[in-house]
């Protein structure tokens, strides 16, 4: 059994910042990829940022230069620092983890609301 515990999201104004975290625990001995997806209202879920255990990072074009992903491999924790938030960043953010065995795990999701 694997659990992903996400930090609370929140509501901020345009231009503000938020930091999300997600810790994987349970029967997960190593994680290959950790990151975040989001689902905006009326939209499909999309990848936001991911980072491999070797430090390879991928960002969605819409967040490049504004979001920063980092991870603590020893603690199986991934962070997402979101700066200069825009209204279109509003949505439910889901932690995503892929184990070395190729199994995907998902967090329950946390709401991020950016208001003008």
N, C-alpha and C. Protein backbone atom coordinates (compact mmCIF):
# COMPACT_ATOMS: atom_id res chain seq x y z
N UNK A 1 0.85 -1.19 0.00
CA UNK A 1 0.00 0.00 0.00
C UNK A 1 0.88 1.24 0.00
N UNK A 2 0.58 2.14 -0.92
CA UNK A 2 1.34 3.38 -1.04
C UNK A 2 0.41 4.55 -0.78
N UNK A 3 0.87 5.47 -0.01
CA UNK A 3 0.10 6.68 0.27
C UNK A 3 0.86 7.90 -0.22
N UNK A 4 0.13 8.81 -0.82
CA UNK A 4 0.68 10.09 -1.21
C UNK A 4 -0.04 11.16 -0.41
N UNK A 5 0.71 11.87 0.39
CA UNK A 5 0.13 12.91 1.24
C UNK A 5 0.51 14.27 0.68
N UNK A 6 -0.48 14.97 0.19
CA UNK A 6 -0.26 16.28 -0.40
C UNK A 6 -0.52 17.37 0.64
N UNK A 7 0.22 18.44 0.50
CA UNK A 7 -0.05 19.59 1.34
C UNK A 7 -1.31 20.30 0.83
N UNK A 8 -1.85 21.13 1.67
CA UNK A 8 -3.03 21.88 1.26
C UNK A 8 -2.66 22.91 0.20
N UNK A 9 -3.58 23.13 -0.72
CA UNK A 9 -3.38 24.18 -1.71
C UNK A 9 -3.73 25.52 -1.09
N UNK A 10 -4.51 26.29 -1.79
CA UNK A 10 -4.93 27.55 -1.21
C UNK A 10 -5.45 28.50 -2.25
N UNK A 11 -5.76 29.68 -1.79
CA UNK A 11 -6.25 30.72 -2.68
C UNK A 11 -5.34 31.92 -2.57
N UNK A 12 -4.87 32.38 -3.72
CA UNK A 12 -3.98 33.54 -3.75
C UNK A 12 -4.44 34.47 -4.87
N UNK A 13 -3.93 35.65 -4.84
CA UNK A 13 -4.22 36.60 -5.90
C UNK A 13 -3.23 36.43 -7.05
N UNK A 14 -3.61 36.93 -8.18
CA UNK A 14 -2.73 36.91 -9.34
C UNK A 14 -1.39 37.54 -8.96
N UNK A 15 -0.33 36.86 -9.34
CA UNK A 15 1.01 37.33 -9.02
C UNK A 15 1.56 36.75 -7.72
N UNK A 16 0.72 36.06 -6.99
CA UNK A 16 1.14 35.49 -5.72
C UNK A 16 1.88 34.18 -5.88
N UNK A 17 2.22 33.59 -4.75
CA UNK A 17 2.98 32.34 -4.74
C UNK A 17 2.34 31.32 -3.81
N UNK A 18 2.57 30.06 -4.15
CA UNK A 18 2.16 28.94 -3.31
C UNK A 18 3.21 27.85 -3.44
N UNK A 19 3.31 27.03 -2.42
CA UNK A 19 4.23 25.89 -2.47
C UNK A 19 3.46 24.64 -2.09
N UNK A 20 3.52 23.65 -2.95
CA UNK A 20 2.90 22.36 -2.70
C UNK A 20 3.97 21.34 -2.38
N UNK A 21 3.59 20.37 -1.57
CA UNK A 21 4.49 19.26 -1.30
C UNK A 21 3.71 17.96 -1.34
N UNK A 22 4.40 16.89 -1.58
CA UNK A 22 3.78 15.57 -1.63
C UNK A 22 4.79 14.54 -1.15
N UNK A 23 4.41 13.79 -0.16
CA UNK A 23 5.30 12.76 0.37
C UNK A 23 4.71 11.38 0.10
N UNK A 24 5.52 10.51 -0.44
CA UNK A 24 5.11 9.13 -0.68
C UNK A 24 5.58 8.27 0.47
N UNK A 25 4.68 7.44 0.95
CA UNK A 25 5.04 6.54 2.04
C UNK A 25 4.36 5.20 1.84
N UNK A 26 4.78 4.24 2.63
CA UNK A 26 4.20 2.91 2.50
C UNK A 26 5.14 1.99 1.76
N UNK A 27 4.56 1.08 1.00
CA UNK A 27 5.34 0.05 0.33
C UNK A 27 5.91 0.55 -0.99
N UNK A 28 6.67 1.62 -0.88
CA UNK A 28 7.31 2.13 -2.08
C UNK A 28 8.78 2.32 -1.74
N UNK A 29 9.62 1.55 -2.35
CA UNK A 29 11.02 1.53 -1.97
C UNK A 29 11.85 2.51 -2.77
N UNK A 30 11.38 2.84 -3.92
CA UNK A 30 12.11 3.83 -4.71
C UNK A 30 11.17 4.41 -5.75
N UNK A 31 11.36 5.66 -6.02
CA UNK A 31 10.50 6.34 -6.99
C UNK A 31 11.34 6.79 -8.16
N UNK A 32 10.84 6.55 -9.33
CA UNK A 32 11.54 6.98 -10.52
C UNK A 32 11.18 8.41 -10.89
N UNK A 33 9.90 8.66 -10.95
CA UNK A 33 9.41 9.97 -11.34
C UNK A 33 8.45 10.49 -10.28
N UNK A 34 8.62 11.75 -9.95
CA UNK A 34 7.69 12.41 -9.03
C UNK A 34 7.30 13.74 -9.65
N UNK A 35 6.07 14.11 -9.48
CA UNK A 35 5.66 15.39 -10.04
C UNK A 35 4.20 15.69 -9.84
N UNK A 36 3.71 16.57 -10.70
CA UNK A 36 2.38 17.10 -10.53
C UNK A 36 1.63 17.18 -11.85
N UNK A 37 0.35 16.86 -11.77
CA UNK A 37 -0.59 17.12 -12.83
C UNK A 37 -1.59 18.12 -12.27
N UNK A 38 -2.37 18.70 -13.15
CA UNK A 38 -3.47 19.54 -12.70
C UNK A 38 -4.64 19.41 -13.66
N UNK A 39 -5.82 19.70 -13.11
CA UNK A 39 -7.04 19.71 -13.92
C UNK A 39 -7.72 21.04 -13.69
N UNK A 40 -7.72 21.86 -14.73
CA UNK A 40 -8.42 23.14 -14.65
C UNK A 40 -9.90 22.90 -14.89
N UNK A 41 -10.75 23.79 -14.44
CA UNK A 41 -12.20 23.63 -14.64
C UNK A 41 -12.54 23.42 -16.10
N UNK A 42 -13.24 22.34 -16.39
CA UNK A 42 -13.65 22.06 -17.75
C UNK A 42 -12.57 21.56 -18.66
N UNK A 43 -11.40 21.28 -18.11
CA UNK A 43 -10.27 20.84 -18.93
C UNK A 43 -9.85 19.43 -18.55
N UNK A 44 -9.06 18.83 -19.42
CA UNK A 44 -8.48 17.53 -19.09
C UNK A 44 -7.27 17.72 -18.18
N UNK A 45 -6.94 16.66 -17.50
CA UNK A 45 -5.76 16.70 -16.64
C UNK A 45 -4.51 16.84 -17.50
N UNK A 46 -3.60 17.70 -17.06
CA UNK A 46 -2.37 17.92 -17.82
C UNK A 46 -1.16 17.85 -16.89
N UNK A 47 -0.04 17.48 -17.48
CA UNK A 47 1.20 17.43 -16.72
C UNK A 47 1.69 18.85 -16.48
N UNK A 48 2.12 19.12 -15.27
CA UNK A 48 2.64 20.43 -14.91
C UNK A 48 4.16 20.40 -14.82
N UNK A 49 4.67 19.51 -14.01
CA UNK A 49 6.12 19.40 -13.82
C UNK A 49 6.44 18.04 -13.26
N UNK A 50 7.55 17.47 -13.74
CA UNK A 50 8.00 16.18 -13.24
C UNK A 50 9.51 16.16 -13.14
N UNK A 51 9.98 15.34 -12.25
CA UNK A 51 11.42 15.24 -12.02
C UNK A 51 11.78 13.79 -11.76
N UNK A 52 12.81 13.31 -12.44
CA UNK A 52 13.25 11.94 -12.21
C UNK A 52 14.19 11.90 -11.01
N UNK A 53 14.47 10.71 -10.57
CA UNK A 53 15.38 10.54 -9.44
C UNK A 53 16.80 10.97 -9.79
N UNK A 54 17.08 11.10 -11.09
CA UNK A 54 18.40 11.54 -11.52
C UNK A 54 18.45 13.03 -11.79
N UNK A 55 17.35 13.71 -11.54
CA UNK A 55 17.35 15.16 -11.66
C UNK A 55 16.89 15.71 -13.00
N UNK A 56 16.39 14.86 -13.87
CA UNK A 56 15.88 15.35 -15.15
C UNK A 56 14.49 15.94 -14.92
N UNK A 57 14.30 17.15 -15.41
CA UNK A 57 13.07 17.90 -15.14
C UNK A 57 12.34 18.21 -16.43
N UNK A 58 11.03 18.15 -16.34
CA UNK A 58 10.18 18.52 -17.46
C UNK A 58 9.07 19.43 -16.95
N UNK A 59 8.90 20.56 -17.61
CA UNK A 59 7.84 21.50 -17.27
C UNK A 59 6.89 21.67 -18.44
N UNK A 60 5.64 21.92 -18.11
CA UNK A 60 4.71 22.35 -19.15
C UNK A 60 5.14 23.73 -19.61
N UNK A 61 4.97 24.01 -20.89
CA UNK A 61 5.37 25.32 -21.41
C UNK A 61 4.69 26.46 -20.67
N UNK A 62 3.49 26.23 -20.23
CA UNK A 62 2.70 27.30 -19.60
C UNK A 62 3.24 27.71 -18.23
N UNK A 63 4.10 26.88 -17.63
CA UNK A 63 4.60 27.20 -16.29
C UNK A 63 6.10 27.45 -16.26
N UNK A 64 6.77 27.28 -17.38
CA UNK A 64 8.22 27.49 -17.42
C UNK A 64 8.56 28.91 -17.00
N UNK A 65 9.55 29.02 -16.13
CA UNK A 65 9.98 30.32 -15.65
C UNK A 65 9.20 30.80 -14.44
N UNK A 66 8.12 30.11 -14.11
CA UNK A 66 7.30 30.52 -12.96
C UNK A 66 7.24 29.45 -11.88
N UNK A 67 7.25 28.19 -12.28
CA UNK A 67 7.17 27.08 -11.33
C UNK A 67 8.53 26.41 -11.23
N UNK A 68 8.83 25.92 -10.02
CA UNK A 68 10.08 25.19 -9.80
C UNK A 68 9.77 23.91 -9.04
N UNK A 69 10.20 22.80 -9.61
CA UNK A 69 10.01 21.51 -8.95
C UNK A 69 11.32 21.08 -8.31
N UNK A 70 11.21 20.46 -7.16
CA UNK A 70 12.38 19.91 -6.49
C UNK A 70 11.94 18.66 -5.73
N UNK A 71 12.91 17.86 -5.34
CA UNK A 71 12.55 16.65 -4.62
C UNK A 71 13.64 16.27 -3.64
N UNK A 72 13.20 15.57 -2.62
CA UNK A 72 14.09 15.01 -1.61
C UNK A 72 13.97 13.50 -1.75
N UNK A 73 14.94 12.90 -2.40
CA UNK A 73 14.85 11.47 -2.69
C UNK A 73 14.81 10.63 -1.42
N UNK A 74 15.59 11.04 -0.44
CA UNK A 74 15.64 10.26 0.81
C UNK A 74 14.30 10.26 1.52
N UNK A 75 13.56 11.35 1.37
CA UNK A 75 12.27 11.47 2.05
C UNK A 75 11.11 11.17 1.12
N UNK A 76 11.40 10.78 -0.13
CA UNK A 76 10.34 10.50 -1.11
C UNK A 76 9.33 11.65 -1.17
N UNK A 77 9.86 12.85 -1.20
CA UNK A 77 9.01 14.03 -1.20
C UNK A 77 9.32 14.91 -2.40
N UNK A 78 8.28 15.42 -3.01
CA UNK A 78 8.44 16.33 -4.13
C UNK A 78 7.75 17.65 -3.79
N UNK A 79 8.36 18.73 -4.24
CA UNK A 79 7.85 20.07 -3.97
C UNK A 79 7.56 20.79 -5.28
N UNK A 80 6.60 21.69 -5.24
CA UNK A 80 6.32 22.53 -6.39
C UNK A 80 6.17 23.96 -5.90
N UNK A 81 7.15 24.78 -6.21
CA UNK A 81 7.09 26.19 -5.88
C UNK A 81 6.46 26.92 -7.05
N UNK A 82 5.35 27.59 -6.80
CA UNK A 82 4.61 28.27 -7.86
C UNK A 82 4.65 29.77 -7.61
N UNK A 83 5.29 30.48 -8.48
CA UNK A 83 5.42 31.93 -8.37
C UNK A 83 4.72 32.61 -9.53
N UNK A 84 4.45 33.89 -9.34
CA UNK A 84 3.79 34.67 -10.38
C UNK A 84 2.56 33.93 -10.92
N UNK A 85 1.73 33.50 -10.01
CA UNK A 85 0.57 32.71 -10.40
C UNK A 85 -0.41 33.51 -11.24
N UNK A 86 -1.02 32.82 -12.18
CA UNK A 86 -2.00 33.41 -13.06
C UNK A 86 -3.36 32.77 -12.83
N UNK A 87 -4.40 33.43 -13.28
CA UNK A 87 -5.74 32.88 -13.07
C UNK A 87 -5.89 31.52 -13.75
N UNK A 88 -5.18 31.34 -14.85
CA UNK A 88 -5.27 30.06 -15.56
C UNK A 88 -4.54 28.92 -14.86
N UNK A 89 -3.85 29.23 -13.78
CA UNK A 89 -3.24 28.17 -12.97
C UNK A 89 -4.24 27.54 -12.00
N UNK A 90 -5.41 28.12 -11.92
CA UNK A 90 -6.45 27.58 -11.05
C UNK A 90 -6.81 26.17 -11.46
N UNK A 91 -6.94 25.31 -10.47
CA UNK A 91 -7.33 23.94 -10.74
C UNK A 91 -7.02 23.04 -9.56
N UNK A 92 -7.27 21.77 -9.77
CA UNK A 92 -6.92 20.76 -8.77
C UNK A 92 -5.58 20.16 -9.17
N UNK A 93 -4.66 20.19 -8.24
CA UNK A 93 -3.31 19.70 -8.49
C UNK A 93 -3.16 18.31 -7.87
N UNK A 94 -2.66 17.39 -8.67
CA UNK A 94 -2.52 16.00 -8.24
C UNK A 94 -1.04 15.61 -8.22
N UNK A 95 -0.64 15.06 -7.12
CA UNK A 95 0.70 14.49 -7.04
C UNK A 95 0.73 13.18 -7.82
N UNK A 96 1.81 12.96 -8.52
CA UNK A 96 1.97 11.74 -9.31
C UNK A 96 3.34 11.15 -9.04
N UNK A 97 3.35 9.87 -8.81
CA UNK A 97 4.59 9.15 -8.55
C UNK A 97 4.60 7.89 -9.40
N UNK A 98 5.72 7.65 -10.01
CA UNK A 98 5.91 6.38 -10.73
C UNK A 98 7.08 5.66 -10.11
N UNK A 99 6.84 4.42 -9.71
CA UNK A 99 7.89 3.65 -9.07
C UNK A 99 8.84 3.07 -10.12
N UNK A 100 9.94 2.55 -9.64
CA UNK A 100 10.89 1.91 -10.55
C UNK A 100 10.26 0.71 -11.26
N UNK A 101 9.25 0.15 -10.64
CA UNK A 101 8.55 -0.99 -11.23
C UNK A 101 7.53 -0.55 -12.28
N UNK A 102 7.36 0.77 -12.43
CA UNK A 102 6.44 1.28 -13.43
C UNK A 102 5.03 1.49 -12.95
N UNK A 103 4.79 1.32 -11.67
CA UNK A 103 3.45 1.54 -11.13
C UNK A 103 3.22 3.02 -10.88
N UNK A 104 2.05 3.50 -11.27
CA UNK A 104 1.69 4.90 -11.07
C UNK A 104 0.80 5.06 -9.85
N UNK A 105 1.09 6.08 -9.08
CA UNK A 105 0.30 6.41 -7.90
C UNK A 105 -0.14 7.86 -8.00
N UNK A 106 -1.33 8.13 -7.42
CA UNK A 106 -1.90 9.47 -7.50
C UNK A 106 -2.35 9.95 -6.14
N UNK A 107 -2.14 11.24 -5.89
CA UNK A 107 -2.69 11.85 -4.71
C UNK A 107 -4.15 12.16 -4.92
N UNK A 108 -4.80 12.56 -3.86
CA UNK A 108 -6.24 12.85 -3.93
C UNK A 108 -6.53 14.18 -4.61
N UNK A 109 -5.53 15.03 -4.68
CA UNK A 109 -5.71 16.33 -5.31
C UNK A 109 -5.89 17.43 -4.29
N UNK A 110 -5.37 18.58 -4.63
CA UNK A 110 -5.50 19.74 -3.76
C UNK A 110 -5.85 20.96 -4.62
N UNK A 111 -6.77 21.75 -4.13
CA UNK A 111 -7.28 22.88 -4.91
C UNK A 111 -6.37 24.09 -4.81
N UNK A 112 -6.07 24.65 -5.97
CA UNK A 112 -5.34 25.91 -6.05
C UNK A 112 -6.23 26.89 -6.80
N UNK A 113 -6.49 28.01 -6.16
CA UNK A 113 -7.34 29.02 -6.78
C UNK A 113 -6.59 30.34 -6.85
N UNK A 114 -6.50 30.89 -8.04
CA UNK A 114 -5.83 32.16 -8.25
C UNK A 114 -6.88 33.17 -8.69
N UNK A 115 -7.05 34.18 -7.90
CA UNK A 115 -8.10 35.16 -8.18
C UNK A 115 -7.51 36.52 -8.52
N UNK A 116 -8.22 37.25 -9.33
CA UNK A 116 -7.74 38.58 -9.73
C UNK A 116 -8.36 39.65 -8.85
